[in-house]
Amino acid sequence: MERTRLRLRQVGWLIAIWAGGVASLGVAAMLIRFLMEAAGMRSH
């Protein structure tokens, strides 16, 4: 019983870290796209 609970906690941490990585990647992509559009508007 204790072992399965520990495994569930490990899986939860993995999911949390994975979700955080995906979220940060999405935010980074949005920031880069926004910066590229801002630079493009400035060059025009």
PDB file of N, CA and C in Angstrom:
ATOM      1  N   MET A   1       0.837  -1.205   0.000  1.00  0.00           N
ATOM      2  CA  MET A   1       0.000   0.000   0.000  1.00  0.00           C
ATOM      3  C   MET A   1       0.872   1.255   0.000  1.00  0.00           C
ATOM      4  N   GLU A   2       1.866   1.272   0.906  1.00  0.00           N
ATOM      5  CA  GLU A   2       2.743   2.441   0.978  1.00  0.00           C
ATOM      6  C   GLU A   2       3.546   2.604  -0.308  1.00  0.00           C
ATOM      7  N   ARG A   3       3.922   1.477  -0.912  1.00  0.00           N
ATOM      8  CA  ARG A   3       4.736   1.536  -2.129  1.00  0.00           C
ATOM      9  C   ARG A   3       3.944   2.163  -3.280  1.00  0.00           C
ATOM     10  N   THR A   4       2.677   1.764  -3.419  1.00  0.00           N
ATOM     11  CA  THR A   4       1.872   2.319  -4.513  1.00  0.00           C
ATOM     12  C   THR A   4       1.658   3.813  -4.301  1.00  0.00           C
ATOM     13  N   ARG A   5       1.500   4.224  -3.035  1.00  0.00           N
ATOM     14  CA  ARG A   5       1.301   5.651  -2.772  1.00  0.00           C
ATOM     15  C   ARG A   5       2.555   6.423  -3.165  1.00  0.00           C
ATOM     16  N   LEU A   6       3.723   5.854  -2.864  1.00  0.00           N
ATOM     17  CA  LEU A   6       4.981   6.515  -3.219  1.00  0.00           C
ATOM     18  C   LEU A   6       5.091   6.627  -4.739  1.00  0.00           C
ATOM     19  N   ARG A   7       4.702   5.548  -5.437  1.00  0.00           N
ATOM     20  CA  ARG A   7       4.766   5.581  -6.902  1.00  0.00           C
ATOM     21  C   ARG A   7       3.809   6.636  -7.455  1.00  0.00           C
ATOM     22  N   LEU A   8       2.617   6.721  -6.871  1.00  0.00           N
ATOM     23  CA  LEU A   8       1.659   7.729  -7.329  1.00  0.00           C
ATOM     24  C   LEU A   8       2.237   9.120  -7.150  1.00  0.00           C
ATOM     25  N   ARG A   9       2.940   9.336  -6.017  1.00  0.00           N
ATOM     26  CA  ARG A   9       3.538  10.650  -5.783  1.00  0.00           C
ATOM     27  C   ARG A   9       4.614  10.919  -6.825  1.00  0.00           C
ATOM     28  N   GLN A  10       5.420   9.908  -7.153  1.00  0.00           N
ATOM     29  CA  GLN A  10       6.469  10.087  -8.171  1.00  0.00           C
ATOM     30  C   GLN A  10       5.845  10.423  -9.519  1.00  0.00           C
ATOM     31  N   VAL A  11       4.786   9.707  -9.888  1.00  0.00           N
ATOM     32  CA  VAL A  11       4.116   9.964 -11.169  1.00  0.00           C
ATOM     33  C   VAL A  11       3.522  11.367 -11.167  1.00  0.00           C
ATOM     34  N   GLY A  12       2.954  11.777 -10.027  1.00  0.00           N
ATOM     35  CA  GLY A  12       2.385  13.118  -9.923  1.00  0.00           C
ATOM     36  C   GLY A  12       3.445  14.182 -10.137  1.00  0.00           C
ATOM     37  N   TRP A  13       4.631  13.966  -9.533  1.00  0.00           N
ATOM     38  CA  TRP A  13       5.724  14.929  -9.717  1.00  0.00           C
ATOM     39  C   TRP A  13       6.154  14.970 -11.176  1.00  0.00           C
ATOM     40  N   LEU A  14       6.230  13.791 -11.817  1.00  0.00           N
ATOM     41  CA  LEU A  14       6.622  13.746 -13.234  1.00  0.00           C
ATOM     42  C   LEU A  14       5.624  14.522 -14.086  1.00  0.00           C
ATOM     43  N   ILE A  15       4.330  14.309 -13.825  1.00  0.00           N
ATOM     44  CA  ILE A  15       3.292  15.006 -14.594  1.00  0.00           C
ATOM     45  C   ILE A  15       3.375  16.505 -14.350  1.00  0.00           C
ATOM     46  N   ALA A  16       3.615  16.898 -13.085  1.00  0.00           N
ATOM     47  CA  ALA A  16       3.703  18.328 -12.755  1.00  0.00           C
ATOM     48  C   ALA A  16       4.885  18.966 -13.477  1.00  0.00           C
ATOM     49  N   ILE A  17       6.039  18.279 -13.453  1.00  0.00           N
ATOM     50  CA  ILE A  17       7.237  18.816 -14.122  1.00  0.00           C
ATOM     51  C   ILE A  17       7.012  18.885 -15.634  1.00  0.00           C
ATOM     52  N   TRP A  18       6.384  17.824 -16.193  1.00  0.00           N
ATOM     53  CA  TRP A  18       6.129  17.801 -17.638  1.00  0.00           C
ATOM     54  C   TRP A  18       5.179  18.926 -18.029  1.00  0.00           C
ATOM     55  N   ALA A  19       4.108  19.100 -17.244  1.00  0.00           N
ATOM     56  CA  ALA A  19       3.140  20.162 -17.535  1.00  0.00           C
ATOM     57  C   ALA A  19       3.816  21.528 -17.432  1.00  0.00           C
ATOM     58  N   GLY A  20       4.677  21.691 -16.428  1.00  0.00           N
ATOM     59  CA  GLY A  20       5.387  22.963 -16.271  1.00  0.00           C
ATOM     60  C   GLY A  20       6.283  23.233 -17.468  1.00  0.00           C
ATOM     61  N   GLY A  21       6.956  22.190 -17.948  1.00  0.00           N
ATOM     62  CA  GLY A  21       7.837  22.355 -19.102  1.00  0.00           C
ATOM     63  C   GLY A  21       7.052  22.724 -20.351  1.00  0.00           C
ATOM     64  N   VAL A  22       5.919  22.056 -20.554  1.00  0.00           N
ATOM     65  CA  VAL A  22       5.088  22.354 -21.724  1.00  0.00           C
ATOM     66  C   VAL A  22       4.555  23.784 -21.636  1.00  0.00           C
ATOM     67  N   ALA A  23       4.110  24.180 -20.433  1.00  0.00           N
ATOM     68  CA  ALA A  23       3.571  25.535 -20.254  1.00  0.00           C
ATOM     69  C   ALA A  23       4.653  26.574 -20.514  1.00  0.00           C
ATOM     70  N   SER A  24       5.857  26.327 -19.981  1.00  0.00           N
ATOM     71  CA  SER A  24       6.942  27.303 -20.172  1.00  0.00           C
ATOM     72  C   SER A  24       7.337  27.374 -21.647  1.00  0.00           C
ATOM     73  N   LEU A  25       7.310  26.228 -22.337  1.00  0.00           N
ATOM     74  CA  LEU A  25       7.625  26.230 -23.770  1.00  0.00           C
ATOM     75  C   LEU A  25       6.580  27.039 -24.538  1.00  0.00           C
ATOM     76  N   GLY A  26       5.307  26.853 -24.184  1.00  0.00           N
ATOM     77  CA  GLY A  26       4.246  27.604 -24.853  1.00  0.00           C
ATOM     78  C   GLY A  26       4.394  29.096 -24.616  1.00  0.00           C
ATOM     79  N   VAL A  27       4.692  29.476 -23.370  1.00  0.00           N
ATOM     80  CA  VAL A  27       4.869  30.900 -23.054  1.00  0.00           C
ATOM     81  C   VAL A  27       6.072  31.445 -23.815  1.00  0.00           C
ATOM     82  N   ALA A  28       7.157  30.663 -23.872  1.00  0.00           N
ATOM     83  CA  ALA A  28       8.360  31.117 -24.586  1.00  0.00           C
ATOM     84  C   ALA A  28       8.044  31.301 -26.070  1.00  0.00           C
ATOM     85  N   ALA A  29       7.289  30.371 -26.665  1.00  0.00           N
ATOM     86  CA  ALA A  29       6.936  30.478 -28.082  1.00  0.00           C
ATOM     87  C   ALA A  29       6.089  31.725 -28.326  1.00  0.00           C
ATOM     88  N   MET A  30       5.122  31.982 -27.422  1.00  0.00           N
ATOM     89  CA  MET A  30       4.281  33.172 -27.571  1.00  0.00           C
ATOM     90  C   MET A  30       5.124  34.439 -27.459  1.00  0.00           C
ATOM     91  N   LEU A  31       6.059  34.458 -26.506  1.00  0.00           N
ATOM     92  CA  LEU A  31       6.921  35.632 -26.325  1.00  0.00           C
ATOM     93  C   LEU A  31       7.777  35.858 -27.565  1.00  0.00           C
ATOM     94  N   ILE A  32       8.362  34.771 -28.101  1.00  0.00           N
ATOM     95  CA  ILE A  32       9.219  34.898 -29.291  1.00  0.00           C
ATOM     96  C   ILE A  32       8.394  35.407 -30.472  1.00  0.00           C
ATOM     97  N   ARG A  33       7.180  34.848 -30.634  1.00  0.00           N
ATOM     98  CA  ARG A  33       6.320  35.281 -31.741  1.00  0.00           C
ATOM     99  C   ARG A  33       5.967  36.758 -31.579  1.00  0.00           C
ATOM    100  N   PHE A  34       5.647  37.165 -30.341  1.00  0.00           N
ATOM    101  CA  PHE A  34       5.304  38.568 -30.078  1.00  0.00           C
ATOM    102  C   PHE A  34       6.496  39.474 -30.373  1.00  0.00           C
ATOM    103  N   LEU A  35       7.687  39.046 -29.950  1.00  0.00           N
ATOM    104  CA  LEU A  35       8.890  39.854 -30.192  1.00  0.00           C
ATOM    105  C   LEU A  35       9.192  39.939 -31.685  1.00  0.00           C
ATOM    106  N   MET A  36       9.008  38.823 -32.398  1.00  0.00           N
ATOM    107  CA  MET A  36       9.261  38.825 -33.840  1.00  0.00           C
ATOM    108  C   MET A  36       8.288  39.780 -34.541  1.00  0.00           C
ATOM    109  N   GLU A  37       7.004  39.737 -34.152  1.00  0.00           N
ATOM    110  CA  GLU A  37       6.017  40.630 -34.767  1.00  0.00           C
ATOM    111  C   GLU A  37       6.344  42.077 -34.439  1.00  0.00           C
ATOM    112  N   ALA A  38       6.757  42.345 -33.200  1.00  0.00           N
ATOM    113  CA  ALA A  38       7.107  43.715 -32.800  1.00  0.00           C
ATOM    114  C   ALA A  38       8.312  44.195 -33.612  1.00  0.00           C
ATOM    115  N   ALA A  39       9.311  43.327 -33.788  1.00  0.00           N
ATOM    116  CA  ALA A  39      10.500  43.698 -34.562  1.00  0.00           C
ATOM    117  C   ALA A  39      10.108  43.921 -36.025  1.00  0.00           C
ATOM    118  N   GLY A  40       9.213  43.082 -36.553  1.00  0.00           N
ATOM    119  CA  GLY A  40       8.774  43.234 -37.937  1.00  0.00           C
ATOM    120  C   GLY A  40       8.047  44.549 -38.139  1.00  0.00           C
ATOM    121  N   MET A  41       7.173  44.907 -37.194  1.00  0.00           N
ATOM    122  CA  MET A  41       6.446  46.174 -37.310  1.00  0.00           C
ATOM    123  C   MET A  41       7.415  47.348 -37.231  1.00  0.00           C
ATOM    124  N   ARG A  42       8.433  47.208 -36.376  1.00  0.00           N
ATOM    125  CA  ARG A  42       9.387  48.294 -36.201  1.00  0.00           C
ATOM    126  C   ARG A  42      10.212  48.478 -37.474  1.00  0.00           C
ATOM    127  N   SER A  43      10.593  47.378 -38.124  1.00  0.00           N
ATOM    128  CA  SER A  43      11.410  47.474 -39.335  1.00  0.00           C
ATOM    129  C   SER A  43      10.589  48.093 -40.468  1.00  0.00           C
ATOM    130  N   HIS A  44       9.282  47.813 -40.505  1.00  0.00           N
ATOM    131  CA  HIS A  44       8.426  48.428 -41.521  1.00  0.00           C
ATOM    132  C   HIS A  44       8.230  49.896 -41.168  1.00  0.00           C
TER     133      HIS A  44
END
